N, C-alpha and C. Protein backbone atom coordinates (compact mmCIF):
# COMPACT_ATOMS: atom_id res chain seq x y z
N MET A 1 0.98 -1.14 -0.09
CA MET A 1 -0.12 0.07 -0.03
C MET A 1 0.80 1.15 0.10
N ASP A 2 0.53 2.21 -0.75
CA ASP A 2 1.24 3.51 -0.76
C ASP A 2 0.87 4.48 0.31
N ALA A 3 1.84 5.50 0.26
CA ALA A 3 1.51 6.36 1.51
C ALA A 3 0.03 7.26 1.30
N GLY A 4 -0.15 7.41 0.02
CA GLY A 4 -1.31 8.31 -0.24
C GLY A 4 -2.64 7.45 0.12
N SER A 5 -2.82 6.36 -0.17
CA SER A 5 -3.71 5.28 0.07
C SER A 5 -3.92 5.11 1.56
N LEU A 6 -2.79 5.08 2.17
CA LEU A 6 -2.62 4.77 3.76
C LEU A 6 -3.28 6.08 4.53
N LEU A 7 -2.88 7.23 4.00
CA LEU A 7 -3.42 8.50 4.53
C LEU A 7 -4.94 8.63 4.26
N ARG A 8 -5.31 8.47 3.08
CA ARG A 8 -6.64 8.62 2.78
C ARG A 8 -7.63 7.42 3.54
N ASP A 9 -7.15 6.30 3.58
CA ASP A 9 -7.72 5.28 4.60
C ASP A 9 -7.93 5.52 5.91
N ALA A 10 -6.69 6.16 6.61
CA ALA A 10 -6.78 6.52 7.99
C ALA A 10 -7.69 7.89 8.07
N ARG A 11 -7.66 8.68 7.30
CA ARG A 11 -8.38 9.83 7.38
C ARG A 11 -9.97 9.63 7.38
N ARG A 12 -10.24 8.66 6.37
CA ARG A 12 -11.63 8.30 6.24
C ARG A 12 -12.14 7.45 7.41
N HIS A 13 -11.35 6.58 7.97
CA HIS A 13 -11.74 5.88 9.29
C HIS A 13 -11.78 6.56 10.26
N ALA A 14 -11.15 7.72 10.52
CA ALA A 14 -11.25 8.72 11.64
C ALA A 14 -12.24 9.94 11.34
N ARG A 15 -13.00 9.59 10.12
CA ARG A 15 -14.18 10.53 9.70
C ARG A 15 -13.78 12.05 9.84
N LEU A 16 -12.59 12.23 9.05
CA LEU A 16 -12.02 13.71 9.04
C LEU A 16 -12.14 14.13 7.66
N THR A 17 -12.28 15.37 7.46
CA THR A 17 -11.96 15.84 6.15
C THR A 17 -10.69 16.23 5.99
N GLN A 18 -10.05 16.42 4.61
CA GLN A 18 -8.75 16.80 4.51
C GLN A 18 -8.48 18.16 5.26
N THR A 19 -9.43 19.22 5.53
CA THR A 19 -9.13 20.41 5.91
C THR A 19 -9.01 20.07 7.55
N GLU A 20 -10.14 19.29 8.06
CA GLU A 20 -9.88 19.08 9.52
C GLU A 20 -8.60 18.34 9.91
N LEU A 21 -8.20 17.30 8.95
CA LEU A 21 -6.69 16.67 9.25
C LEU A 21 -5.69 17.59 9.18
N ALA A 22 -5.73 18.45 8.16
CA ALA A 22 -4.72 19.40 8.03
C ALA A 22 -4.44 20.21 9.16
N ALA A 23 -5.66 20.69 9.87
CA ALA A 23 -5.36 21.56 10.98
C ALA A 23 -4.81 20.68 12.39
N LEU A 24 -5.27 19.50 12.24
CA LEU A 24 -5.02 18.69 13.45
C LEU A 24 -3.40 18.38 13.33
N SER A 25 -2.88 18.17 12.06
CA SER A 25 -1.54 17.69 11.84
C SER A 25 -0.53 18.86 11.48
N GLY A 26 -1.08 19.99 11.33
CA GLY A 26 -0.05 20.99 11.07
C GLY A 26 0.45 21.01 9.85
N THR A 27 -0.57 20.81 8.75
CA THR A 27 -0.06 20.89 7.30
C THR A 27 -1.35 21.58 6.61
N SER A 28 -1.07 21.62 5.34
CA SER A 28 -2.09 22.33 4.41
C SER A 28 -2.99 21.31 3.91
N GLN A 29 -4.17 21.62 3.55
CA GLN A 29 -5.22 20.88 2.79
C GLN A 29 -4.60 20.59 1.61
N ALA A 30 -4.06 21.52 0.69
CA ALA A 30 -3.58 21.07 -0.58
C ALA A 30 -2.48 20.01 -0.48
N THR A 31 -1.59 20.18 0.55
CA THR A 31 -0.46 19.07 0.81
C THR A 31 -1.14 17.78 1.04
N LEU A 32 -2.10 17.75 1.87
CA LEU A 32 -2.62 16.47 1.99
C LEU A 32 -3.42 16.03 0.78
N SER A 33 -3.92 16.77 -0.01
CA SER A 33 -4.66 16.24 -1.21
C SER A 33 -3.44 15.83 -2.28
N ALA A 34 -2.37 16.54 -2.30
CA ALA A 34 -1.41 15.98 -3.00
C ALA A 34 -0.89 14.55 -2.53
N TYR A 35 -0.72 14.36 -1.14
CA TYR A 35 -0.15 13.16 -0.78
C TYR A 35 -1.14 11.96 -1.10
N GLU A 36 -2.47 12.25 -0.86
CA GLU A 36 -3.44 11.51 -1.29
C GLU A 36 -3.55 10.97 -2.63
N ARG A 37 -3.40 11.96 -3.53
CA ARG A 37 -3.40 11.63 -4.99
C ARG A 37 -2.17 11.11 -5.43
N GLY A 38 -1.02 11.10 -4.72
CA GLY A 38 0.32 10.50 -5.21
C GLY A 38 1.10 11.57 -5.80
N SER A 39 0.81 12.67 -5.86
CA SER A 39 1.69 13.63 -6.81
C SER A 39 2.76 14.23 -5.69
N LYS A 40 2.63 13.98 -4.59
CA LYS A 40 3.77 14.32 -3.53
C LYS A 40 3.71 13.02 -2.63
N THR A 41 4.99 13.05 -2.11
CA THR A 41 5.30 11.72 -1.01
C THR A 41 5.75 12.38 0.13
N PRO A 42 5.06 12.03 1.33
CA PRO A 42 5.52 12.61 2.63
C PRO A 42 6.62 11.89 3.10
N SER A 43 7.63 12.57 3.88
CA SER A 43 8.75 11.93 4.54
C SER A 43 8.21 11.13 5.46
N ALA A 44 9.17 10.17 6.22
CA ALA A 44 8.66 9.26 7.12
C ALA A 44 7.98 10.08 8.42
N ASP A 45 8.73 11.00 8.61
CA ASP A 45 8.27 11.98 9.95
C ASP A 45 6.97 12.34 9.67
N THR A 46 6.83 13.07 8.45
CA THR A 46 5.40 13.63 8.09
C THR A 46 4.40 12.64 8.17
N LEU A 47 4.72 11.42 7.51
CA LEU A 47 3.59 10.44 7.43
C LEU A 47 3.13 9.90 8.88
N ALA A 48 4.21 9.85 9.57
CA ALA A 48 3.91 9.49 11.13
C ALA A 48 2.95 10.43 11.67
N ARG A 49 3.32 11.93 11.80
CA ARG A 49 2.68 12.78 12.07
C ARG A 49 1.13 13.01 11.83
N VAL A 50 1.16 12.89 10.53
CA VAL A 50 -0.24 12.93 9.97
C VAL A 50 -1.24 11.73 10.41
N LEU A 51 -0.63 10.50 10.30
CA LEU A 51 -1.28 9.35 10.81
C LEU A 51 -1.59 9.55 12.24
N ALA A 52 -0.72 9.96 13.14
CA ALA A 52 -1.00 10.09 14.40
C ALA A 52 -2.08 10.96 14.65
N ALA A 53 -2.42 12.08 13.78
CA ALA A 53 -3.49 12.96 14.01
C ALA A 53 -4.80 12.18 13.78
N THR A 54 -4.69 11.14 13.15
CA THR A 54 -5.95 10.25 12.89
C THR A 54 -6.16 9.16 13.84
N GLY A 55 -5.18 9.06 14.72
CA GLY A 55 -5.19 7.89 15.73
C GLY A 55 -4.57 6.58 15.28
N VAL A 56 -3.95 6.74 14.31
CA VAL A 56 -3.00 5.69 13.89
C VAL A 56 -1.58 5.83 14.06
N ARG A 57 -0.96 4.75 14.46
CA ARG A 57 0.49 4.84 14.65
C ARG A 57 1.11 4.12 13.52
N LEU A 58 2.35 4.63 13.24
CA LEU A 58 3.15 4.18 12.14
C LEU A 58 4.29 3.36 12.62
N ALA A 59 4.19 2.11 12.34
CA ALA A 59 5.21 1.25 13.03
C ALA A 59 5.76 0.16 12.05
N THR A 60 6.94 -0.35 12.45
CA THR A 60 7.65 -1.14 11.62
C THR A 60 7.38 -2.59 12.16
N VAL A 61 7.45 -3.66 11.36
CA VAL A 61 7.35 -5.00 11.84
C VAL A 61 8.52 -5.70 11.05
N PRO A 62 8.88 -6.78 11.64
CA PRO A 62 9.92 -7.60 11.06
C PRO A 62 9.39 -8.17 9.81
N ALA A 63 10.14 -8.32 8.70
CA ALA A 63 9.67 -9.00 7.47
C ALA A 63 10.05 -10.39 7.57
N THR A 64 9.34 -11.24 6.68
CA THR A 64 9.71 -12.81 6.65
C THR A 64 10.92 -12.97 6.05
N ARG A 65 11.41 -12.06 5.08
CA ARG A 65 12.62 -12.24 4.45
C ARG A 65 13.17 -10.83 4.18
N ARG A 66 14.62 -10.84 3.87
CA ARG A 66 15.04 -9.54 3.56
C ARG A 66 14.77 -9.02 2.12
N VAL A 67 14.52 -8.01 1.79
CA VAL A 67 14.35 -7.42 0.53
C VAL A 67 15.76 -7.13 -0.17
N ARG A 68 15.95 -7.88 -1.39
CA ARG A 68 17.11 -7.70 -1.98
C ARG A 68 16.83 -6.78 -3.24
N THR A 69 17.64 -5.68 -3.28
CA THR A 69 17.54 -4.75 -4.39
C THR A 69 18.66 -4.93 -5.27
N PRO A 70 18.48 -5.35 -6.48
CA PRO A 70 19.62 -5.81 -7.51
C PRO A 70 20.52 -4.55 -7.80
N SER A 71 21.74 -4.54 -8.09
CA SER A 71 22.57 -3.50 -8.31
C SER A 71 22.27 -3.19 -9.92
N GLN A 72 22.74 -1.99 -10.34
CA GLN A 72 22.45 -1.49 -11.61
C GLN A 72 23.34 -2.50 -12.55
N ALA A 73 24.49 -3.03 -12.31
CA ALA A 73 25.20 -3.82 -12.89
C ALA A 73 24.36 -5.18 -13.01
N ALA A 74 23.66 -5.85 -12.15
CA ALA A 74 22.90 -6.95 -12.17
C ALA A 74 21.65 -6.73 -13.15
N LEU A 75 21.04 -5.53 -12.95
CA LEU A 75 19.91 -5.19 -13.82
C LEU A 75 20.44 -5.33 -15.28
N GLN A 76 21.51 -4.64 -15.66
CA GLN A 76 22.01 -4.60 -17.01
C GLN A 76 22.24 -6.02 -17.44
N ARG A 77 23.01 -6.81 -16.58
CA ARG A 77 23.19 -8.17 -17.30
C ARG A 77 21.87 -9.00 -17.50
N ALA A 78 20.94 -8.86 -16.48
CA ALA A 78 19.60 -9.46 -16.89
C ALA A 78 19.05 -8.83 -18.09
N ALA A 79 19.10 -7.55 -18.35
CA ALA A 79 18.43 -7.05 -19.58
C ALA A 79 19.24 -7.63 -20.83
N ARG A 80 20.57 -7.71 -20.87
CA ARG A 80 21.29 -8.18 -21.81
C ARG A 80 20.67 -9.67 -22.14
N GLY A 81 20.61 -10.53 -20.98
CA GLY A 81 20.22 -11.84 -21.15
C GLY A 81 18.66 -11.79 -21.78
N LEU A 82 17.97 -10.94 -21.31
CA LEU A 82 16.45 -11.00 -21.94
C LEU A 82 16.55 -10.68 -23.39
N ASN A 83 17.47 -9.69 -23.72
CA ASN A 83 17.57 -9.32 -25.28
C ASN A 83 18.11 -10.57 -25.88
N ASP A 84 19.15 -11.17 -25.52
CA ASP A 84 19.53 -12.41 -26.30
C ASP A 84 18.38 -13.24 -26.48
N VAL A 85 17.42 -13.59 -25.38
CA VAL A 85 16.47 -14.45 -25.63
C VAL A 85 15.65 -13.92 -26.55
N ILE A 86 15.18 -12.74 -26.58
CA ILE A 86 14.25 -12.24 -27.52
C ILE A 86 14.90 -12.27 -29.01
N GLU A 87 16.14 -12.02 -29.06
CA GLU A 87 16.67 -12.11 -30.40
C GLU A 87 16.60 -13.59 -31.00
N LEU A 88 16.87 -14.41 -30.10
CA LEU A 88 16.95 -15.93 -30.45
C LEU A 88 15.41 -16.46 -30.88
N ALA A 89 14.51 -15.84 -30.04
CA ALA A 89 12.99 -16.24 -30.52
C ALA A 89 12.65 -15.69 -31.71
N SER A 90 13.15 -14.49 -32.03
CA SER A 90 12.88 -13.92 -33.38
C SER A 90 13.39 -14.42 -34.63
N GLN A 91 14.37 -15.41 -34.33
CA GLN A 91 14.91 -16.19 -35.46
C GLN A 91 14.47 -17.51 -35.73
N LEU A 92 13.64 -17.92 -34.73
CA LEU A 92 12.92 -19.18 -34.93
C LEU A 92 11.90 -19.31 -36.03
N PRO A 93 11.63 -20.21 -36.82
CA PRO A 93 10.63 -20.35 -37.92
C PRO A 93 9.19 -20.17 -37.14
N THR A 94 8.37 -19.33 -37.97
CA THR A 94 7.04 -19.09 -37.52
C THR A 94 6.00 -19.80 -38.33
N GLN A 95 6.42 -20.42 -39.21
CA GLN A 95 5.35 -21.32 -40.07
C GLN A 95 4.76 -22.32 -39.31
N HIS A 96 3.40 -22.23 -39.34
CA HIS A 96 2.77 -23.36 -38.43
C HIS A 96 2.10 -24.28 -39.46
N GLY A 97 1.90 -25.63 -39.26
CA GLY A 97 0.98 -26.55 -40.12
C GLY A 97 -0.31 -26.22 -39.93
N PRO A 98 -1.11 -26.65 -40.90
CA PRO A 98 -2.51 -26.46 -40.88
C PRO A 98 -3.28 -27.16 -39.65
N ALA A 99 -2.61 -28.21 -39.15
CA ALA A 99 -3.27 -28.80 -37.83
C ALA A 99 -2.33 -29.06 -36.83
N LEU A 100 -2.62 -29.22 -35.67
CA LEU A 100 -1.60 -29.54 -34.54
C LEU A 100 -1.24 -31.14 -34.70
N ALA A 101 0.02 -31.36 -34.57
CA ALA A 101 0.34 -32.82 -34.38
C ALA A 101 0.60 -33.13 -33.18
N PHE A 102 -0.08 -34.24 -32.59
CA PHE A 102 0.04 -34.78 -31.33
C PHE A 102 -0.07 -36.20 -31.33
N PRO A 103 0.34 -36.99 -30.44
CA PRO A 103 0.38 -38.33 -30.25
C PRO A 103 -0.99 -38.89 -30.08
N ARG A 104 -1.59 -39.88 -30.67
CA ARG A 104 -2.77 -40.40 -30.36
C ARG A 104 -2.88 -41.19 -29.00
N LEU A 105 -3.75 -40.95 -28.16
CA LEU A 105 -3.83 -41.71 -27.08
C LEU A 105 -4.69 -42.91 -27.13
N PRO A 106 -4.53 -43.92 -26.43
CA PRO A 106 -5.37 -45.29 -26.68
C PRO A 106 -6.68 -44.80 -26.08
N THR A 107 -7.61 -45.34 -26.66
CA THR A 107 -9.17 -45.23 -26.26
C THR A 107 -9.32 -46.25 -25.11
N ALA A 108 -10.56 -45.99 -24.38
CA ALA A 108 -10.85 -46.94 -23.30
C ALA A 108 -11.00 -48.43 -23.78
N ALA A 109 -11.73 -48.36 -24.95
CA ALA A 109 -11.94 -49.88 -25.63
C ALA A 109 -10.76 -50.61 -25.94
N GLY A 110 -9.59 -49.76 -26.28
CA GLY A 110 -8.38 -50.36 -26.86
C GLY A 110 -7.45 -50.86 -25.73
N ARG A 111 -7.85 -50.46 -24.53
CA ARG A 111 -6.85 -51.04 -23.27
C ARG A 111 -7.17 -52.46 -22.93
N SER A 112 -6.08 -52.97 -22.45
CA SER A 112 -6.28 -54.27 -21.81
C SER A 112 -6.11 -54.45 -20.33
């Protein structure tokens, strides 16, 4: 969930308008609107302050596993590999026969 959705949901749950929440949290209604629309992203401190004004606490919880962000070099290697696969696929023949060929399966009457 993104910060904008989190703020909007918390504000609605607290039954506050953007103007009311702005007054309670020390920010402007226009800024809250921008956060909720996703055109601006609040800092962690601002997010915590605005959420606190709705009665919600921003907290961290342990993850089930670590998040691994690949390096730029790893992303470039993966992109080159993907380009190689796409190039190879483009060189494969694309003419298809008029009917699919598949092995015939024995019928129930033909089994012993």
